[in-house]
Protein backbone atom coordinates (compact mmCIF):
# COMPACT_ATOMS: atom_id res chain seq x y z
CA MET A 1 -72.87 0.82 57.87
CA SER A 2 -76.87 1.10 56.31
CA ASN A 3 -79.11 3.97 57.61
CA SER A 4 -82.06 2.00 57.25
CA ALA A 5 -82.03 -1.96 58.17
CA PRO A 6 -80.17 -2.53 61.30
CA GLU A 7 -77.42 -5.24 61.70
CA VAL A 8 -78.69 -7.74 64.63
CA GLY A 9 -76.59 -10.34 65.96
CA HIS A 10 -75.86 -12.17 69.21
CA VAL A 11 -72.33 -12.05 70.45
CA GLY A 12 -70.68 -15.23 71.57
CA GLY A 13 -71.97 -18.47 72.21
CA SER A 14 -74.84 -18.17 74.43
CA GLY A 15 -76.48 -15.13 73.29
CA ALA A 16 -76.63 -13.30 76.63
CA VAL A 17 -76.36 -9.85 74.71
CA ARG A 18 -77.72 -8.91 71.25
CA LEU A 19 -75.80 -5.98 69.58
CA SER A 20 -77.53 -3.91 66.84
CA GLN A 21 -76.48 -1.27 64.64
CA THR A 22 -77.75 1.29 62.59
CA ALA A 23 -77.04 5.02 61.41
CA GLY A 24 -74.11 5.27 63.86
CA VAL A 25 -76.25 4.15 66.71
CA ALA A 26 -75.18 0.63 68.47
CA THR A 27 -77.86 -0.97 70.90
CA LEU A 28 -76.63 -3.38 73.53
CA THR A 29 -79.62 -5.73 74.83
CA PHE A 30 -79.38 -8.05 77.80
CA THR A 31 -81.11 -10.93 76.85
CA HIS A 32 -81.33 -13.10 79.92
CA PRO A 33 -84.85 -14.23 80.47
CA LYS A 34 -84.89 -13.05 84.09
CA ALA A 35 -82.64 -10.09 83.16
CA ALA A 36 -79.69 -11.59 85.35
CA PHE A 37 -76.03 -11.29 84.76
CA GLY A 38 -74.14 -14.82 84.50
CA PRO A 39 -70.69 -15.37 83.44
CA ALA A 40 -71.85 -15.16 79.59
CA THR A 41 -73.19 -11.68 79.95
CA TRP A 42 -69.90 -10.07 81.17
CA LEU A 43 -67.76 -12.22 78.47
CA GLU A 44 -69.89 -11.09 75.71
CA THR A 45 -70.67 -7.79 76.67
CA ALA A 46 -66.90 -7.07 76.73
CA GLN A 47 -66.53 -8.81 73.28
CA ALA A 48 -69.53 -6.50 71.92
CA LEU A 49 -67.67 -3.41 72.94
CA GLY A 50 -64.78 -4.53 70.68
CA GLN A 51 -67.56 -5.16 67.62
CA LEU A 52 -68.69 -1.45 67.61
CA GLY A 53 -67.04 -0.34 64.49
CA GLU A 54 -68.05 2.81 63.69
CA ALA A 55 -70.62 3.45 66.35
CA ARG A 56 -71.14 7.08 67.32
CA VAL A 57 -73.24 6.35 70.55
CA LEU A 58 -74.30 3.00 72.57
CA ILE A 59 -77.32 2.46 73.97
CA LEU A 60 -77.67 -0.12 76.87
CA ARG A 61 -81.20 -1.87 77.82
CA GLY A 62 -82.75 -4.96 78.76
CA GLU A 63 -85.62 -6.88 77.34
CA ARG A 64 -87.60 -6.31 80.12
CA HIS A 65 -86.02 -5.05 83.35
CA PHE A 66 -82.65 -3.58 82.77
CA SER A 67 -81.36 -6.42 85.16
CA VAL A 68 -82.13 -7.78 88.77
CA GLY A 69 -78.40 -8.03 89.30
CA LEU A 70 -75.67 -10.65 89.35
CA ASP A 71 -77.26 -14.29 88.52
CA VAL A 72 -76.23 -15.84 91.58
CA LYS A 73 -77.16 -19.32 90.54
CA ALA A 74 -74.78 -19.16 87.51
CA THR A 75 -72.04 -17.41 89.33
CA ALA A 76 -71.94 -19.18 92.52
CA PRO A 77 -69.82 -22.10 91.65
CA SER A 78 -67.21 -20.38 90.38
CA ILE A 79 -67.02 -18.04 93.42
CA ALA A 80 -67.41 -20.73 96.13
CA ALA A 81 -64.41 -22.47 93.99
CA ALA A 82 -62.37 -19.39 94.42
CA LEU A 83 -63.14 -18.64 98.13
CA SER A 84 -62.45 -22.39 99.38
CA ARG A 85 -59.18 -22.41 97.81
CA PRO A 86 -56.37 -22.89 101.14
CA GLU A 87 -54.09 -20.58 99.37
CA GLY A 88 -54.41 -18.06 96.65
CA LYS A 89 -57.77 -17.09 97.63
CA ARG A 90 -57.77 -13.63 97.06
CA ALA A 91 -55.86 -14.02 93.46
CA ALA A 92 -58.84 -16.53 92.52
CA PHE A 93 -61.47 -14.37 93.72
CA LYS A 94 -60.06 -11.42 91.96
CA ALA A 95 -59.79 -13.40 88.79
CA VAL A 96 -63.59 -13.83 88.59
CA VAL A 97 -64.75 -10.35 89.63
CA ASP A 98 -61.81 -9.21 86.69
CA GLU A 99 -64.29 -10.42 84.15
CA MET A 100 -66.83 -8.36 85.33
CA HIS A 101 -64.86 -5.40 85.61
CA ALA A 102 -63.85 -5.89 82.15
CA ALA A 103 -66.94 -5.56 80.87
CA ILE A 104 -67.80 -2.19 83.19
CA GLU A 105 -64.83 -0.73 83.05
CA GLY A 106 -64.56 -1.26 79.30
CA LEU A 107 -68.07 0.42 78.82
CA ALA A 108 -66.73 3.53 80.99
CA ALA A 109 -63.65 3.70 78.97
CA LEU A 110 -65.54 4.04 75.40
CA PRO A 111 -64.78 7.30 73.94
CA ILE A 112 -68.60 7.35 72.53
CA PRO A 113 -71.95 8.32 74.72
CA VAL A 114 -73.32 5.61 76.21
CA ILE A 115 -77.05 5.78 77.11
CA ALA A 116 -78.76 3.47 79.97
CA ALA A 117 -82.41 3.12 79.00
CA ILE A 118 -83.65 1.78 82.14
CA ASP A 119 -86.85 0.15 82.47
CA GLY A 120 -88.05 -2.40 85.55
CA TRP A 121 -85.53 -3.39 87.89
CA CYS A 122 -81.88 -1.68 88.14
CA ILE A 123 -80.33 -3.71 90.74
CA GLY A 124 -77.11 -4.59 92.25
CA ALA A 125 -74.37 -5.11 89.32
CA GLY A 126 -77.27 -3.73 87.03
CA LEU A 127 -77.01 -0.44 88.92
CA GLU A 128 -73.03 -0.45 88.92
CA LEU A 129 -73.16 -1.18 84.95
CA ALA A 130 -75.66 1.79 84.77
CA ALA A 131 -73.38 4.24 86.86
CA ALA A 132 -70.50 3.47 84.23
CA CYS A 133 -72.57 5.11 81.55
CA ASP A 134 -72.76 8.65 80.62
CA ILE A 135 -76.62 9.59 80.48
CA ARG A 136 -79.26 7.54 82.21
CA ILE A 137 -82.81 7.86 81.42
CA ALA A 138 -85.98 5.43 82.67
CA SER A 139 -89.38 4.85 82.68
CA THR A 140 -91.39 5.88 85.55
CA SER A 141 -92.11 2.17 86.48
CA ALA A 142 -88.16 1.70 86.96
CA ARG A 143 -86.66 0.82 90.42
CA PHE A 144 -83.08 0.96 91.80
CA SER A 145 -81.49 -0.97 94.41
CA LEU A 146 -77.63 -1.73 95.96
CA PRO A 147 -78.33 -4.46 97.96
CA GLU A 148 -74.89 -6.33 98.38
CA VAL A 149 -74.93 -5.67 102.17
CA ARG A 150 -77.81 -8.03 102.42
CA LEU A 151 -75.52 -10.61 100.75
CA GLY A 152 -72.72 -9.98 103.36
CA ILE A 153 -70.61 -8.12 100.72
CA ALA A 154 -69.36 -4.56 99.58
CA ALA A 155 -70.62 -3.89 95.93
CA ASP A 156 -67.14 -3.85 94.21
CA LEU A 157 -68.10 -3.58 90.61
CA GLY A 158 -67.74 0.18 90.91
CA GLY A 159 -71.00 1.63 92.15
CA LEU A 160 -69.44 2.85 95.23
CA GLN A 161 -67.00 4.85 93.73
CA ARG A 162 -69.08 6.41 90.97
CA LEU A 163 -72.45 6.56 92.66
CA PRO A 164 -70.94 9.41 95.14
CA GLY A 165 -70.19 11.61 92.10
CA LEU A 166 -73.34 11.37 90.59
CA ILE A 167 -75.90 11.37 93.48
CA GLY A 168 -73.51 12.77 96.40
CA ARG A 169 -72.12 10.64 99.40
CA GLY A 170 -74.89 11.07 101.84
CA ARG A 171 -77.34 9.51 99.18
CA ALA A 172 -75.16 7.14 98.04
CA ALA A 173 -74.40 5.90 101.40
CA HIS A 174 -78.04 5.77 102.15
CA LEU A 175 -78.40 3.45 99.14
CA ALA A 176 -75.65 1.33 99.78
CA LEU A 177 -75.75 0.82 103.64
CA THR A 178 -79.55 0.40 103.61
CA ALA A 179 -79.87 -1.54 100.70
CA GLU A 180 -83.38 -0.30 100.11
CA PRO A 181 -84.93 0.52 96.94
CA ILE A 182 -85.63 3.53 95.41
CA ASP A 183 -88.58 4.44 92.92
CA ALA A 184 -87.95 6.35 89.67
CA ALA A 185 -89.17 9.78 90.77
CA THR A 186 -86.61 9.23 93.82
CA ALA A 187 -83.44 8.35 91.28
CA GLU A 188 -84.56 11.49 89.25
CA ARG A 189 -84.81 13.75 92.47
CA TRP A 190 -81.63 12.42 93.59
CA GLY A 191 -79.80 12.88 89.72
CA LEU A 192 -79.18 9.34 89.31
CA VAL A 193 -81.37 9.62 86.04
CA THR A 194 -81.84 12.70 84.17
CA GLU A 195 -85.48 11.82 82.22
CA LEU A 196 -88.43 10.00 83.18
CA HIS A 197 -90.77 8.73 80.68
CA ALA A 198 -94.28 6.97 80.90
CA ASP A 199 -93.41 3.52 79.83
CA ALA A 200 -91.04 1.37 78.25
CA ASP A 201 -92.04 2.15 74.63
CA ALA A 202 -91.63 5.62 74.93
CA LEU A 203 -88.24 5.45 77.04
CA TYR A 204 -86.72 3.31 74.28
CA ALA A 205 -88.33 5.86 71.40
CA ARG A 206 -86.55 8.70 73.56
CA ALA A 207 -83.28 6.67 74.06
CA GLU A 208 -83.04 6.39 70.12
CA ALA A 209 -84.00 9.82 69.50
CA LEU A 210 -81.51 10.93 71.98
CA ALA A 211 -78.78 8.59 70.24
CA ALA A 212 -79.48 10.06 66.94
CA HIS A 213 -78.98 13.40 68.23
CA LEU A 214 -75.86 12.86 69.68
CA ALA A 215 -74.52 10.75 66.48
CA ALA A 216 -75.14 13.55 64.38
CA LEU A 217 -72.70 15.91 66.49
CA PRO A 218 -69.14 15.81 65.67
CA PRO A 219 -67.59 13.10 67.40
CA LYS A 220 -64.39 14.43 68.60
CA ALA A 221 -66.41 17.10 70.39
CA LEU A 222 -68.26 14.33 72.23
CA GLU A 223 -64.98 12.50 72.96
CA GLY A 224 -63.18 15.50 74.12
CA THR A 225 -66.28 16.39 76.22
CA LYS A 226 -66.62 12.97 77.91
CA ARG A 227 -62.66 12.81 78.51
CA THR A 228 -62.88 16.08 80.41
CA LEU A 229 -65.86 15.21 82.25
CA ASN A 230 -64.21 12.05 83.63
CA ASP A 231 -60.36 12.79 83.61
CA ASN A 232 -60.08 13.44 87.39
CA LEU A 233 -57.36 15.88 86.98
CA SER A 234 -56.99 18.79 89.15
CA HIS A 235 -59.04 22.03 87.73
CA ALA A 236 -55.97 23.71 86.17
CA GLN A 237 -54.88 20.52 84.56
CA SER A 238 -58.29 19.28 83.33
CA LEU A 239 -58.30 22.99 81.87
CA ALA A 240 -55.31 22.83 80.12
CA ALA A 241 -56.12 19.05 78.72
CA ALA A 242 -59.31 20.50 77.05
CA VAL A 243 -57.55 23.44 75.63
CA ASP A 244 -54.98 20.89 74.15
CA TRP A 245 -57.94 18.34 72.82
CA ASN A 246 -59.29 21.67 70.86
CA ALA A 247 -55.93 22.63 69.60
CA GLU A 248 -55.21 19.18 68.37
CA HIS A 249 -58.93 18.47 67.01
CA MET A 250 -60.49 21.62 66.16
CA THR A 251 -60.68 22.80 62.63
CA ALA A 252 -61.01 25.81 60.89
CA GLU A 253 -63.47 24.54 58.19
CA GLY A 254 -65.45 22.65 61.64
CA LEU A 255 -65.45 25.98 63.07
CA ALA A 256 -66.70 27.78 60.03
CA GLY A 257 -69.80 25.39 59.33
CA ALA A 258 -70.76 25.67 62.89
CA VAL A 259 -71.35 29.42 62.82
CA LYS A 260 -73.03 29.42 59.45
């Protein structure tokens, strides 16, 4: 892997996402001109996660907006076909949503840190995707919304499961039940994002610097930390699992190097 010139390429036939890698940092960019997620986005995102190679950190971003959510026009035919089936409607609908879950749950399951760099709108499916990342930073112009109730549905891509742990059940309920957007300052105050930056350029520069910092840290330490944060075990079980991880992966040489 080059330490200077990045390796850049579209994933899949439609070019819905672009994957670049340099110096241990991979960047996945959503390229839809209107920042919407269509069927190709989900398929190619899942494919990209299998092409990270030796990347130690992943950055997610959009070309302009992070995401305005689901591309309803592109997705509606498959959803309508599933819902119109007289028999097997649930299985058919689940098959459509499973493609979206494969991308989001695959992202959440990565052993490396994932940074969401959010500029502009982060709506619906985009917010649910961002919630599956480990670190979320944003520009001051970012806006966040979970508007599914306006469409007559419950959010079903992980947002209702993850957001309460990130911002508390009350704030997650406010966001999801009212469908009202919140601004970047509110998102930071609620803990949805941990940093705000003046504009897109500052945001993406910070994302790259943060990713480079993480990429320089011991990868097994990062992986073990992420596993422990996400293990959903009881307190005692999680403590024991963390000790077991360190016993398996810590080395005397690494410890000596750390204290120099």
